[in-house]
């Protein structure tokens, strides 16, 4: 598929690297999503818990300053049990699958990812 089933899908990108924020935002805009950025896990938790923000999906980098993606996912999961969280990581496939589950992460997108891989994850979870 070239498009996203849920056009207008609100996606929170949790990523500390500016270049990655920009690339992911552009890809999401290109497929009809509405991206918003949090530069670390703590900011993400605050944005999600602010009731004026209703996200359809979270793309969560795992290694960030202030609060990493595992801790942020764990906190978000407690107040939002059904909000899909997809980890963004450059780590290999073997890296701690149980850590993902313990933190409440639903799925993993390995960097660098393609537009096709991003669309598949958004369609699956968004």
PDB file of N, CA and C in Angstrom:
ATOM      1  N   UNK A   1       0.836  -1.197   0.000  1.00  0.00           N
ATOM      2  CA  UNK A   1       0.000   0.000   0.000  1.00  0.00           C
ATOM      3  C   UNK A   1       0.872   1.248   0.000  1.00  0.00           C
ATOM      4  N   UNK A   2       0.398   2.274  -0.647  1.00  0.00           N
ATOM      5  CA  UNK A   2       1.169   3.514  -0.687  1.00  0.00           C
ATOM      6  C   UNK A   2       0.640   4.512   0.323  1.00  0.00           C
ATOM      7  N   UNK A   3      -0.546   4.286   0.845  1.00  0.00           N
ATOM      8  CA  UNK A   3      -1.122   5.233   1.788  1.00  0.00           C
ATOM      9  C   UNK A   3      -1.455   4.584   3.099  1.00  0.00           C
ATOM     10  N   UNK A   4      -1.899   5.405   4.013  1.00  0.00           N
ATOM     11  CA  UNK A   4      -2.236   4.935   5.346  1.00  0.00           C
ATOM     12  C   UNK A   4      -3.743   4.799   5.448  1.00  0.00           C
ATOM     13  N   UNK A   5      -4.209   3.724   6.075  1.00  0.00           N
ATOM     14  CA  UNK A   5      -5.637   3.512   6.261  1.00  0.00           C
ATOM     15  C   UNK A   5      -6.241   4.662   7.056  1.00  0.00           C
ATOM     16  N   UNK A   6      -5.598   5.005   8.170  1.00  0.00           N
ATOM     17  CA  UNK A   6      -6.108   6.044   9.060  1.00  0.00           C
ATOM     18  C   UNK A   6      -5.465   7.383   8.723  1.00  0.00           C
ATOM     19  N   UNK A   7      -5.961   8.043   7.675  1.00  0.00           N
ATOM     20  CA  UNK A   7      -5.419   9.363   7.319  1.00  0.00           C
ATOM     21  C   UNK A   7      -5.742  10.342   8.435  1.00  0.00           C
ATOM     22  N   UNK A   8      -4.784  11.194   8.720  1.00  0.00           N
ATOM     23  CA  UNK A   8      -4.976  12.127   9.816  1.00  0.00           C
ATOM     24  C   UNK A   8      -4.573  11.539  11.150  1.00  0.00           C
ATOM     25  N   UNK A   9      -4.001  10.342  11.118  1.00  0.00           N
ATOM     26  CA  UNK A   9      -3.527   9.658  12.319  1.00  0.00           C
ATOM     27  C   UNK A   9      -2.550  10.574  13.063  1.00  0.00           C
ATOM     28  N   UNK A  10      -2.803  10.811  14.354  1.00  0.00           N
ATOM     29  CA  UNK A  10      -1.934  11.675  15.166  1.00  0.00           C
ATOM     30  C   UNK A  10      -0.827  10.840  15.789  1.00  0.00           C
ATOM     31  N   UNK A  11       0.399  11.173  15.418  1.00  0.00           N
ATOM     32  CA  UNK A  11       1.553  10.380  15.831  1.00  0.00           C
ATOM     33  C   UNK A  11       2.499  11.236  16.672  1.00  0.00           C
ATOM     34  N   UNK A  12       2.830  10.754  17.856  1.00  0.00           N
ATOM     35  CA  UNK A  12       3.836  11.409  18.685  1.00  0.00           C
ATOM     36  C   UNK A  12       5.179  10.742  18.415  1.00  0.00           C
ATOM     37  N   UNK A  13       6.132  11.530  17.905  1.00  0.00           N
ATOM     38  CA  UNK A  13       7.488  11.044  17.655  1.00  0.00           C
ATOM     39  C   UNK A  13       8.332  11.432  18.861  1.00  0.00           C
ATOM     40  N   UNK A  14       8.856  10.443  19.557  1.00  0.00           N
ATOM     41  CA  UNK A  14       9.699  10.707  20.723  1.00  0.00           C
ATOM     42  C   UNK A  14      11.132  10.385  20.314  1.00  0.00           C
ATOM     43  N   UNK A  15      11.904  11.432  20.085  1.00  0.00           N
ATOM     44  CA  UNK A  15      13.225  11.283  19.459  1.00  0.00           C
ATOM     45  C   UNK A  15      14.070  12.496  19.820  1.00  0.00           C
ATOM     46  N   UNK A  16      15.308  12.260  20.262  1.00  0.00           N
ATOM     47  CA  UNK A  16      16.167  13.376  20.670  1.00  0.00           C
ATOM     48  C   UNK A  16      17.056  13.909  19.546  1.00  0.00           C
ATOM     49  N   UNK A  17      17.231  13.163  18.471  1.00  0.00           N
ATOM     50  CA  UNK A  17      18.110  13.591  17.380  1.00  0.00           C
ATOM     51  C   UNK A  17      17.301  14.380  16.349  1.00  0.00           C
ATOM     52  N   UNK A  18      17.688  15.636  16.151  1.00  0.00           N
ATOM     53  CA  UNK A  18      16.941  16.540  15.281  1.00  0.00           C
ATOM     54  C   UNK A  18      16.753  15.987  13.871  1.00  0.00           C
ATOM     55  N   UNK A  19      17.813  15.438  13.282  1.00  0.00           N
ATOM     56  CA  UNK A  19      17.710  14.901  11.922  1.00  0.00           C
ATOM     57  C   UNK A  19      16.673  13.781  11.858  1.00  0.00           C
ATOM     58  N   UNK A  20      16.657  12.909  12.852  1.00  0.00           N
ATOM     59  CA  UNK A  20      15.678  11.814  12.889  1.00  0.00           C
ATOM     60  C   UNK A  20      14.265  12.351  13.081  1.00  0.00           C
ATOM     61  N   UNK A  21      14.113  13.387  13.910  1.00  0.00           N
ATOM     62  CA  UNK A  21      12.805  14.028  14.094  1.00  0.00           C
ATOM     63  C   UNK A  21      12.281  14.519  12.746  1.00  0.00           C
ATOM     64  N   UNK A  22      13.152  15.213  12.007  1.00  0.00           N
ATOM     65  CA  UNK A  22      12.745  15.823  10.741  1.00  0.00           C
ATOM     66  C   UNK A  22      12.385  14.776   9.695  1.00  0.00           C
ATOM     67  N   UNK A  23      13.225  13.752   9.559  1.00  0.00           N
ATOM     68  CA  UNK A  23      12.972  12.710   8.559  1.00  0.00           C
ATOM     69  C   UNK A  23      11.672  11.972   8.871  1.00  0.00           C
ATOM     70  N   UNK A  24      11.494  11.571  10.114  1.00  0.00           N
ATOM     71  CA  UNK A  24      10.291  10.828  10.500  1.00  0.00           C
ATOM     72  C   UNK A  24       9.044  11.693  10.329  1.00  0.00           C
ATOM     73  N   UNK A  25       9.126  12.961  10.705  1.00  0.00           N
ATOM     74  CA  UNK A  25       7.997  13.887  10.529  1.00  0.00           C
ATOM     75  C   UNK A  25       7.596  13.997   9.068  1.00  0.00           C
ATOM     76  N   UNK A  26       8.592  14.173   8.201  1.00  0.00           N
ATOM     77  CA  UNK A  26       8.314  14.326   6.765  1.00  0.00           C
ATOM     78  C   UNK A  26       7.678  13.061   6.194  1.00  0.00           C
ATOM     79  N   UNK A  27       8.192  11.900   6.583  1.00  0.00           N
ATOM     80  CA  UNK A  27       7.605  10.644   6.106  1.00  0.00           C
ATOM     81  C   UNK A  27       6.148  10.538   6.536  1.00  0.00           C
ATOM     82  N   UNK A  28       5.886  10.869   7.793  1.00  0.00           N
ATOM     83  CA  UNK A  28       4.514  10.779   8.309  1.00  0.00           C
ATOM     84  C   UNK A  28       3.588  11.768   7.611  1.00  0.00           C
ATOM     85  N   UNK A  29       4.059  12.993   7.405  1.00  0.00           N
ATOM     86  CA  UNK A  29       3.243  13.988   6.699  1.00  0.00           C
ATOM     87  C   UNK A  29       2.947  13.515   5.284  1.00  0.00           C
ATOM     88  N   UNK A  30       3.942  12.920   4.649  1.00  0.00           N
ATOM     89  CA  UNK A  30       3.801  12.442   3.272  1.00  0.00           C
ATOM     90  C   UNK A  30       2.695  11.389   3.153  1.00  0.00           C
ATOM     91  N   UNK A  31       2.496  10.594   4.188  1.00  0.00           N
ATOM     92  CA  UNK A  31       1.461   9.549   4.129  1.00  0.00           C
ATOM     93  C   UNK A  31       0.171   9.985   4.820  1.00  0.00           C
ATOM     94  N   UNK A  32       0.061  11.275   5.123  1.00  0.00           N
ATOM     95  CA  UNK A  32      -1.206  11.808   5.612  1.00  0.00           C
ATOM     96  C   UNK A  32      -1.386  11.824   7.112  1.00  0.00           C
ATOM     97  N   UNK A  33      -0.316  11.586   7.860  1.00  0.00           N
ATOM     98  CA  UNK A  33      -0.413  11.620   9.325  1.00  0.00           C
ATOM     99  C   UNK A  33      -0.090  13.017   9.847  1.00  0.00           C
ATOM    100  N   UNK A  34      -0.447  13.245  11.110  1.00  0.00           N
ATOM    101  CA  UNK A  34      -0.154  14.509  11.776  1.00  0.00           C
ATOM    102  C   UNK A  34       0.877  14.246  12.879  1.00  0.00           C
ATOM    103  N   UNK A  35       2.162  14.486  12.584  1.00  0.00           N
ATOM    104  CA  UNK A  35       3.196  14.219  13.583  1.00  0.00           C
ATOM    105  C   UNK A  35       3.366  15.354  14.585  1.00  0.00           C
ATOM    106  N   UNK A  36       3.752  14.991  15.776  1.00  0.00           N
ATOM    107  CA  UNK A  36       4.146  15.941  16.805  1.00  0.00           C
ATOM    108  C   UNK A  36       5.409  15.374  17.446  1.00  0.00           C
ATOM    109  N   UNK A  37       6.270  16.247  17.963  1.00  0.00           N
ATOM    110  CA  UNK A  37       7.572  15.789  18.458  1.00  0.00           C
ATOM    111  C   UNK A  37       7.736  16.038  19.949  1.00  0.00           C
ATOM    112  N   UNK A  38       8.310  15.048  20.620  1.00  0.00           N
ATOM    113  CA  UNK A  38       8.789  15.194  21.996  1.00  0.00           C
ATOM    114  C   UNK A  38      10.269  14.830  21.949  1.00  0.00           C
ATOM    115  N   UNK A  39      11.125  15.659  22.552  1.00  0.00           N
ATOM    116  CA  UNK A  39      12.570  15.449  22.422  1.00  0.00           C
ATOM    117  C   UNK A  39      13.146  14.466  23.426  1.00  0.00           C
ATOM    118  N   UNK A  40      12.332  14.012  24.377  1.00  0.00           N
ATOM    119  CA  UNK A  40      12.785  12.974  25.309  1.00  0.00           C
ATOM    120  C   UNK A  40      11.573  12.320  25.960  1.00  0.00           C
ATOM    121  N   UNK A  41      11.830  11.273  26.724  1.00  0.00           N
ATOM    122  CA  UNK A  41      10.742  10.516  27.333  1.00  0.00           C
ATOM    123  C   UNK A  41       9.910  11.320  28.308  1.00  0.00           C
ATOM    124  N   UNK A  42      10.559  12.193  29.071  1.00  0.00           N
ATOM    125  CA  UNK A  42       9.825  12.999  30.048  1.00  0.00           C
ATOM    126  C   UNK A  42       8.823  13.924  29.360  1.00  0.00           C
ATOM    127  N   UNK A  43       9.256  14.570  28.279  1.00  0.00           N
ATOM    128  CA  UNK A  43       8.363  15.430  27.506  1.00  0.00           C
ATOM    129  C   UNK A  43       7.215  14.610  26.922  1.00  0.00           C
ATOM    130  N   UNK A  44       7.517  13.406  26.455  1.00  0.00           N
ATOM    131  CA  UNK A  44       6.482  12.530  25.897  1.00  0.00           C
ATOM    132  C   UNK A  44       5.425  12.197  26.942  1.00  0.00           C
ATOM    133  N   UNK A  45       5.861  11.829  28.136  1.00  0.00           N
ATOM    134  CA  UNK A  45       4.922  11.505  29.220  1.00  0.00           C
ATOM    135  C   UNK A  45       4.021  12.704  29.498  1.00  0.00           C
ATOM    136  N   UNK A  46       4.613  13.897  29.563  1.00  0.00           N
ATOM    137  CA  UNK A  46       3.829  15.106  29.827  1.00  0.00           C
ATOM    138  C   UNK A  46       2.829  15.387  28.715  1.00  0.00           C
ATOM    139  N   UNK A  47       3.240  15.218  27.461  1.00  0.00           N
ATOM    140  CA  UNK A  47       2.343  15.454  26.327  1.00  0.00           C
ATOM    141  C   UNK A  47       1.183  14.453  26.326  1.00  0.00           C
ATOM    142  N   UNK A  48       1.493  13.195  26.575  1.00  0.00           N
ATOM    143  CA  UNK A  48       0.454  12.163  26.557  1.00  0.00           C
ATOM    144  C   UNK A  48      -0.533  12.367  27.703  1.00  0.00           C
ATOM    145  N   UNK A  49      -0.025  12.763  28.860  1.00  0.00           N
ATOM    146  CA  UNK A  49      -0.900  12.941  30.022  1.00  0.00           C
ATOM    147  C   UNK A  49      -1.655  14.266  30.024  1.00  0.00           C
ATOM    148  N   UNK A  50      -1.311  15.159  29.094  1.00  0.00           N
ATOM    149  CA  UNK A  50      -2.076  16.392  28.900  1.00  0.00           C
ATOM    150  C   UNK A  50      -3.306  16.006  28.075  1.00  0.00           C
ATOM    151  N   UNK A  51      -4.469  16.087  28.686  1.00  0.00           N
ATOM    152  CA  UNK A  51      -5.679  15.561  28.046  1.00  0.00           C
ATOM    153  C   UNK A  51      -6.069  16.261  26.752  1.00  0.00           C
ATOM    154  N   UNK A  52      -5.452  17.405  26.449  1.00  0.00           N
ATOM    155  CA  UNK A  52      -5.779  18.067  25.184  1.00  0.00           C
ATOM    156  C   UNK A  52      -5.117  17.354  24.002  1.00  0.00           C
ATOM    157  N   UNK A  53      -4.159  16.484  24.285  1.00  0.00           N
ATOM    158  CA  UNK A  53      -3.489  15.719  23.229  1.00  0.00           C
ATOM    159  C   UNK A  53      -4.080  14.314  23.154  1.00  0.00           C
ATOM    160  N   UNK A  54      -4.586  13.961  21.985  1.00  0.00           N
ATOM    161  CA  UNK A  54      -5.093  12.608  21.767  1.00  0.00           C
ATOM    162  C   UNK A  54      -4.281  11.983  20.643  1.00  0.00           C
ATOM    163  N   UNK A  55      -3.372  11.101  20.998  1.00  0.00           N
ATOM    164  CA  UNK A  55      -2.528  10.470  19.981  1.00  0.00           C
ATOM    165  C   UNK A  55      -3.090   9.107  19.603  1.00  0.00           C
ATOM    166  N   UNK A  56      -2.892   8.748  18.326  1.00  0.00           N
ATOM    167  CA  UNK A  56      -3.306   7.434  17.843  1.00  0.00           C
ATOM    168  C   UNK A  56      -2.187   6.415  18.009  1.00  0.00           C
ATOM    169  N   UNK A  57      -0.956   6.909  18.020  1.00  0.00           N
ATOM    170  CA  UNK A  57       0.197   6.015  18.073  1.00  0.00           C
ATOM    171  C   UNK A  57       1.424   6.807  18.540  1.00  0.00           C
ATOM    172  N   UNK A  58       2.365   6.119  19.185  1.00  0.00           N
ATOM    173  CA  UNK A  58       3.619   6.745  19.603  1.00  0.00           C
ATOM    174  C   UNK A  58       4.778   5.993  18.963  1.00  0.00           C
ATOM    175  N   UNK A  59       5.697   6.744  18.355  1.00  0.00           N
ATOM    176  CA  UNK A  59       6.960   6.188  17.865  1.00  0.00           C
ATOM    177  C   UNK A  59       8.017   6.611  18.875  1.00  0.00           C
ATOM    178  N   UNK A  60       8.575   5.656  19.598  1.00  0.00           N
ATOM    179  CA  UNK A  60       9.409   5.937  20.773  1.00  0.00           C
ATOM    180  C   UNK A  60      10.854   5.490  20.567  1.00  0.00           C
ATOM    181  N   UNK A  61      11.766   6.465  20.438  1.00  0.00           N
ATOM    182  CA  UNK A  61      13.192   6.125  20.449  1.00  0.00           C
ATOM    183  C   UNK A  61      13.500   5.558  21.831  1.00  0.00           C
ATOM    184  N   UNK A  62      14.452   4.659  21.919  1.00  0.00           N
ATOM    185  CA  UNK A  62      14.735   4.035  23.210  1.00  0.00           C
ATOM    186  C   UNK A  62      15.870   4.710  23.965  1.00  0.00           C
ATOM    187  N   UNK A  63      16.865   5.193  23.239  1.00  0.00           N
ATOM    188  CA  UNK A  63      18.025   5.785  23.905  1.00  0.00           C
ATOM    189  C   UNK A  63      17.978   7.297  23.773  1.00  0.00           C
ATOM    190  N   UNK A  64      17.602   7.962  24.880  1.00  0.00           N
ATOM    191  CA  UNK A  64      17.486   9.421  24.919  1.00  0.00           C
ATOM    192  C   UNK A  64      17.948   9.920  26.274  1.00  0.00           C
ATOM    193  N   UNK A  65      18.363  11.194  26.324  1.00  0.00           N
ATOM    194  CA  UNK A  65      18.698  11.785  27.625  1.00  0.00           C
ATOM    195  C   UNK A  65      17.436  12.066  28.437  1.00  0.00           C
ATOM    196  N   UNK A  66      17.589  12.423  29.668  1.00  0.00           N
ATOM    197  CA  UNK A  66      16.530  12.768  30.628  1.00  0.00           C
ATOM    198  C   UNK A  66      15.737  11.539  31.044  1.00  0.00           C
ATOM    199  N   UNK A  67      14.980  10.947  30.099  1.00  0.00           N
ATOM    200  CA  UNK A  67      14.226   9.717  30.372  1.00  0.00           C
ATOM    201  C   UNK A  67      14.236   8.875  29.107  1.00  0.00           C
ATOM    202  N   UNK A  68      14.684   7.632  29.201  1.00  0.00           N
ATOM    203  CA  UNK A  68      14.757   6.789  28.008  1.00  0.00           C
ATOM    204  C   UNK A  68      13.381   6.256  27.614  1.00  0.00           C
ATOM    205  N   UNK A  69      13.352   5.613  26.454  1.00  0.00           N
ATOM    206  CA  UNK A  69      12.092   5.130  25.907  1.00  0.00           C
ATOM    207  C   UNK A  69      11.446   4.017  26.702  1.00  0.00           C
ATOM    208  N   UNK A  70      12.256   3.186  27.346  1.00  0.00           N
ATOM    209  CA  UNK A  70      11.689   2.104  28.160  1.00  0.00           C
ATOM    210  C   UNK A  70      10.910   2.674  29.343  1.00  0.00           C
ATOM    211  N   UNK A  71      11.541   3.605  30.068  1.00  0.00           N
ATOM    212  CA  UNK A  71      10.888   4.187  31.243  1.00  0.00           C
ATOM    213  C   UNK A  71       9.644   4.980  30.843  1.00  0.00           C
ATOM    214  N   UNK A  72       9.769   5.781  29.770  1.00  0.00           N
ATOM    215  CA  UNK A  72       8.630   6.576  29.308  1.00  0.00           C
ATOM    216  C   UNK A  72       7.469   5.672  28.890  1.00  0.00           C
ATOM    217  N   UNK A  73       7.775   4.595  28.173  1.00  0.00           N
ATOM    218  CA  UNK A  73       6.726   3.660  27.735  1.00  0.00           C
ATOM    219  C   UNK A  73       6.031   3.029  28.931  1.00  0.00           C
ATOM    220  N   UNK A  74       6.817   2.655  29.922  1.00  0.00           N
ATOM    221  CA  UNK A  74       6.265   2.038  31.130  1.00  0.00           C
ATOM    222  C   UNK A  74       5.290   2.995  31.834  1.00  0.00           C
ATOM    223  N   UNK A  75       5.672   4.259  31.952  1.00  0.00           N
ATOM    224  CA  UNK A  75       4.818   5.256  32.612  1.00  0.00           C
ATOM    225  C   UNK A  75       3.559   5.524  31.787  1.00  0.00           C
ATOM    226  N   UNK A  76       3.724   5.705  30.471  1.00  0.00           N
ATOM    227  CA  UNK A  76       2.577   5.971  29.593  1.00  0.00           C
ATOM    228  C   UNK A  76       1.606   4.795  29.619  1.00  0.00           C
ATOM    229  N   UNK A  77       2.143   3.585  29.618  1.00  0.00           N
ATOM    230  CA  UNK A  77       1.306   2.384  29.600  1.00  0.00           C
ATOM    231  C   UNK A  77       0.372   2.324  30.806  1.00  0.00           C
ATOM    232  N   UNK A  78       0.804   2.835  31.956  1.00  0.00           N
ATOM    233  CA  UNK A  78      -0.021   2.789  33.166  1.00  0.00           C
ATOM    234  C   UNK A  78      -1.287   3.628  33.027  1.00  0.00           C
ATOM    235  N   UNK A  79      -1.188   4.781  32.367  1.00  0.00           N
ATOM    236  CA  UNK A  79      -2.368   5.639  32.230  1.00  0.00           C
ATOM    237  C   UNK A  79      -3.079   5.458  30.893  1.00  0.00           C
ATOM    238  N   UNK A  80      -2.404   4.872  29.922  1.00  0.00           N
ATOM    239  CA  UNK A  80      -2.972   4.671  28.580  1.00  0.00           C
ATOM    240  C   UNK A  80      -2.702   3.235  28.126  1.00  0.00           C
ATOM    241  N   UNK A  81      -3.444   2.277  28.668  1.00  0.00           N
ATOM    242  CA  UNK A  81      -3.155   0.863  28.379  1.00  0.00           C
ATOM    243  C   UNK A  81      -3.345   0.463  26.918  1.00  0.00           C
ATOM    244  N   UNK A  82      -4.153   1.214  26.167  1.00  0.00           N
ATOM    245  CA  UNK A  82      -4.452   0.818  24.790  1.00  0.00           C
ATOM    246  C   UNK A  82      -3.731   1.644  23.730  1.00  0.00           C
ATOM    247  N   UNK A  83      -2.925   2.617  24.138  1.00  0.00           N
ATOM    248  CA  UNK A  83      -2.227   3.477  23.178  1.00  0.00           C
ATOM    249  C   UNK A  83      -1.027   2.725  22.597  1.00  0.00           C
ATOM    250  N   UNK A  84      -1.015   2.477  21.276  1.00  0.00           N
ATOM    251  CA  UNK A  84       0.092   1.717  20.687  1.00  0.00           C
ATOM    252  C   UNK A  84       1.419   2.470  20.784  1.00  0.00           C
ATOM    253  N   UNK A  85       2.449   1.774  21.236  1.00  0.00           N
ATOM    254  CA  UNK A  85       3.797   2.330  21.323  1.00  0.00           C
ATOM    255  C   UNK A  85       4.720   1.452  20.486  1.00  0.00           C
ATOM    256  N   UNK A  86       5.361   2.079  19.499  1.00  0.00           N
ATOM    257  CA  UNK A  86       6.315   1.375  18.648  1.00  0.00           C
ATOM    258  C   UNK A  86       7.705   1.910  18.962  1.00  0.00           C
ATOM    259  N   UNK A  87       8.593   1.023  19.367  1.00  0.00           N
ATOM    260  CA  UNK A  87       9.968   1.419  19.675  1.00  0.00           C
ATOM    261  C   UNK A  87      10.728   1.681  18.385  1.00  0.00           C
ATOM    262  N   UNK A  88      11.550   2.728  18.399  1.00  0.00           N
ATOM    263  CA  UNK A  88      12.476   3.013  17.304  1.00  0.00           C
ATOM    264  C   UNK A  88      13.870   2.713  17.825  1.00  0.00           C
ATOM    265  N   UNK A  89      14.562   1.794  17.192  1.00  0.00           N
ATOM    266  CA  UNK A  89      15.889   1.442  17.696  1.00  0.00           C
ATOM    267  C   UNK A  89      16.817   1.012  16.575  1.00  0.00           C
ATOM    268  N   UNK A  90      18.093   1.299  16.770  1.00  0.00           N
ATOM    269  CA  UNK A  90      19.119   0.830  15.841  1.00  0.00           C
ATOM    270  C   UNK A  90      19.703  -0.492  16.329  1.00  0.00           C
ATOM    271  N   UNK A  91      19.253  -0.947  17.485  1.00  0.00           N
ATOM    272  CA  UNK A  91      19.774  -2.182  18.077  1.00  0.00           C
ATOM    273  C   UNK A  91      19.361  -3.393  17.249  1.00  0.00           C
ATOM    274  N   UNK A  92      20.066  -4.482  17.460  1.00  0.00           N
ATOM    275  CA  UNK A  92      19.777  -5.701  16.707  1.00  0.00           C
ATOM    276  C   UNK A  92      18.513  -6.380  17.236  1.00  0.00           C
ATOM    277  N   UNK A  93      18.004  -7.303  16.452  1.00  0.00           N
ATOM    278  CA  UNK A  93      16.754  -7.986  16.785  1.00  0.00           C
ATOM    279  C   UNK A  93      16.805  -8.741  18.109  1.00  0.00           C
ATOM    280  N   UNK A  94      17.971  -9.242  18.478  1.00  0.00           N
ATOM    281  CA  UNK A  94      18.064 -10.037  19.702  1.00  0.00           C
ATOM    282  C   UNK A  94      17.919  -9.186  20.962  1.00  0.00           C
ATOM    283  N   UNK A  95      18.149  -7.875  20.833  1.00  0.00           N
ATOM    284  CA  UNK A  95      18.247  -7.023  22.017  1.00  0.00           C
ATOM    285  C   UNK A  95      16.954  -7.014  22.818  1.00  0.00           C
ATOM    286  N   UNK A  96      16.973  -7.756  23.909  1.00  0.00           N
ATOM    287  CA  UNK A  96      15.986  -7.654  24.982  1.00  0.00           C
ATOM    288  C   UNK A  96      14.538  -7.522  24.551  1.00  0.00           C
ATOM    289  N   UNK A  97      14.028  -8.526  23.867  1.00  0.00           N
ATOM    290  CA  UNK A  97      12.610  -8.510  23.533  1.00  0.00           C
ATOM    291  C   UNK A  97      11.734  -8.442  24.772  1.00  0.00           C
ATOM    292  N   UNK A  98      12.178  -9.073  25.844  1.00  0.00           N
ATOM    293  CA  UNK A  98      11.376  -9.045  27.067  1.00  0.00           C
ATOM    294  C   UNK A  98      11.343  -7.645  27.665  1.00  0.00           C
ATOM    295  N   UNK A  99      12.405  -6.849  27.441  1.00  0.00           N
ATOM    296  CA  UNK A  99      12.389  -5.460  27.901  1.00  0.00           C
ATOM    297  C   UNK A  99      11.280  -4.668  27.224  1.00  0.00           C
ATOM    298  N   UNK A 100      11.047  -4.950  25.941  1.00  0.00           N
ATOM    299  CA  UNK A 100       9.974  -4.267  25.225  1.00  0.00           C
ATOM    300  C   UNK A 100       8.641  -4.587  25.884  1.00  0.00           C
ATOM    301  N   UNK A 101       8.406  -5.860  26.121  1.00  0.00           N
ATOM    302  CA  UNK A 101       7.134  -6.282  26.699  1.00  0.00           C
ATOM    303  C   UNK A 101       6.954  -5.750  28.110  1.00  0.00           C
ATOM    304  N   UNK A 102       8.005  -5.803  28.917  1.00  0.00           N
ATOM    305  CA  UNK A 102       7.925  -5.296  30.291  1.00  0.00           C
ATOM    306  C   UNK A 102       7.577  -3.816  30.317  1.00  0.00           C
ATOM    307  N   UNK A 103       8.069  -3.082  29.325  1.00  0.00           N
ATOM    308  CA  UNK A 103       7.841  -1.637  29.278  1.00  0.00           C
ATOM    309  C   UNK A 103       6.498  -1.280  28.663  1.00  0.00           C
ATOM    310  N   UNK A 104       5.818  -2.262  28.079  1.00  0.00           N
ATOM    311  CA  UNK A 104       4.529  -1.989  27.450  1.00  0.00           C
ATOM    312  C   UNK A 104       4.643  -1.583  25.998  1.00  0.00           C
ATOM    313  N   UNK A 105       5.802  -1.850  25.397  1.00  0.00           N
ATOM    314  CA  UNK A 105       6.009  -1.531  23.986  1.00  0.00           C
ATOM    315  C   UNK A 105       5.336  -2.610  23.141  1.00  0.00           C
ATOM    316  N   UNK A 106       4.548  -2.174  22.134  1.00  0.00           N
ATOM    317  CA  UNK A 106       3.784  -3.104  21.311  1.00  0.00           C
ATOM    318  C   UNK A 106       4.581  -3.716  20.167  1.00  0.00           C
ATOM    319  N   UNK A 107       5.506  -2.940  19.609  1.00  0.00           N
ATOM    320  CA  UNK A 107       6.184  -3.383  18.393  1.00  0.00           C
ATOM    321  C   UNK A 107       7.501  -2.613  18.274  1.00  0.00           C
ATOM    322  N   UNK A 108       8.328  -3.023  17.319  1.00  0.00           N
ATOM    323  CA  UNK A 108       9.640  -2.405  17.139  1.00  0.00           C
ATOM    324  C   UNK A 108       9.841  -2.074  15.664  1.00  0.00           C
ATOM    325  N   UNK A 109      10.391  -0.898  15.408  1.00  0.00           N
ATOM    326  CA  UNK A 109      10.763  -0.472  14.064  1.00  0.00           C
ATOM    327  C   UNK A 109      12.267  -0.209  14.109  1.00  0.00           C
ATOM    328  N   UNK A 110      13.019  -0.980  13.313  1.00  0.00           N
ATOM    329  CA  UNK A 110      14.477  -0.895  13.370  1.00  0.00           C
ATOM    330  C   UNK A 110      14.998   0.199  12.444  1.00  0.00           C
ATOM    331  N   UNK A 111      15.854   1.069  12.988  1.00  0.00           N
ATOM    332  CA  UNK A 111      16.465   2.142  12.198  1.00  0.00           C
ATOM    333  C   UNK A 111      17.662   1.584  11.437  1.00  0.00           C
ATOM    334  N   UNK A 112      17.905   2.066  10.222  1.00  0.00           N
ATOM    335  CA  UNK A 112      17.044   2.990   9.481  1.00  0.00           C
ATOM    336  C   UNK A 112      15.872   2.219   8.873  1.00  0.00           C
ATOM    337  N   UNK A 113      14.686   2.789   8.945  1.00  0.00           N
ATOM    338  CA  UNK A 113      13.504   2.111   8.405  1.00  0.00           C
ATOM    339  C   UNK A 113      13.081   2.752   7.089  1.00  0.00           C
ATOM    340  N   UNK A 114      12.363   1.978   6.293  1.00  0.00           N
ATOM    341  CA  UNK A 114      11.876   2.467   5.003  1.00  0.00           C
ATOM    342  C   UNK A 114      10.466   3.019   5.158  1.00  0.00           C
ATOM    343  N   UNK A 115      10.031   3.752   4.164  1.00  0.00           N
ATOM    344  CA  UNK A 115       8.657   4.261   4.129  1.00  0.00           C
ATOM    345  C   UNK A 115       7.673   3.089   4.217  1.00  0.00           C
ATOM    346  N   UNK A 116       7.972   2.009   3.484  1.00  0.00           N
ATOM    347  CA  UNK A 116       7.093   0.833   3.482  1.00  0.00           C
ATOM    348  C   UNK A 116       6.961   0.246   4.889  1.00  0.00           C
ATOM    349  N   UNK A 117       8.091   0.130   5.603  1.00  0.00           N
ATOM    350  CA  UNK A 117       8.054  -0.422   6.966  1.00  0.00           C
ATOM    351  C   UNK A 117       7.252   0.484   7.901  1.00  0.00           C
ATOM    352  N   UNK A 118       7.430   1.791   7.753  1.00  0.00           N
ATOM    353  CA  UNK A 118       6.691   2.746   8.576  1.00  0.00           C
ATOM    354  C   UNK A 118       5.190   2.632   8.317  1.00  0.00           C
ATOM    355  N   UNK A 119       4.814   2.570   7.045  1.00  0.00           N
ATOM    356  CA  UNK A 119       3.395   2.443   6.680  1.00  0.00           C
ATOM    357  C   UNK A 119       2.803   1.159   7.254  1.00  0.00           C
ATOM    358  N   UNK A 120       3.555   0.055   7.161  1.00  0.00           N
ATOM    359  CA  UNK A 120       3.056  -1.217   7.703  1.00  0.00           C
ATOM    360  C   UNK A 120       2.768  -1.110   9.197  1.00  0.00           C
ATOM    361  N   UNK A 121       3.669  -0.462   9.945  1.00  0.00           N
ATOM    362  CA  UNK A 121       3.475  -0.325  11.401  1.00  0.00           C
ATOM    363  C   UNK A 121       2.297   0.595  11.712  1.00  0.00           C
ATOM    364  N   UNK A 122       2.182   1.707  10.986  1.00  0.00           N
ATOM    365  CA  UNK A 122       1.073   2.645  11.222  1.00  0.00           C
ATOM    366  C   UNK A 122      -0.255   1.962  10.895  1.00  0.00           C
ATOM    367  N   UNK A 123      -0.286   1.231   9.782  1.00  0.00           N
ATOM    368  CA  UNK A 123      -1.513   0.521   9.410  1.00  0.00           C
ATOM    369  C   UNK A 123      -1.872  -0.557  10.429  1.00  0.00           C
ATOM    370  N   UNK A 124      -0.862  -1.210  10.965  1.00  0.00           N
ATOM    371  CA  UNK A 124      -1.119  -2.281  11.925  1.00  0.00           C
ATOM    372  C   UNK A 124      -1.632  -1.733  13.252  1.00  0.00           C
ATOM    373  N   UNK A 125      -1.043  -0.642  13.710  1.00  0.00           N
ATOM    374  CA  UNK A 125      -1.323  -0.168  15.064  1.00  0.00           C
ATOM    375  C   UNK A 125      -2.127   1.128  15.134  1.00  0.00           C
ATOM    376  N   UNK A 126      -2.134   1.928  14.046  1.00  0.00           N
ATOM    377  CA  UNK A 126      -2.686   3.285  14.116  1.00  0.00           C
ATOM    378  C   UNK A 126      -4.141   3.396  14.112  1.00  0.00           C
TER     379      UNK A 126
END
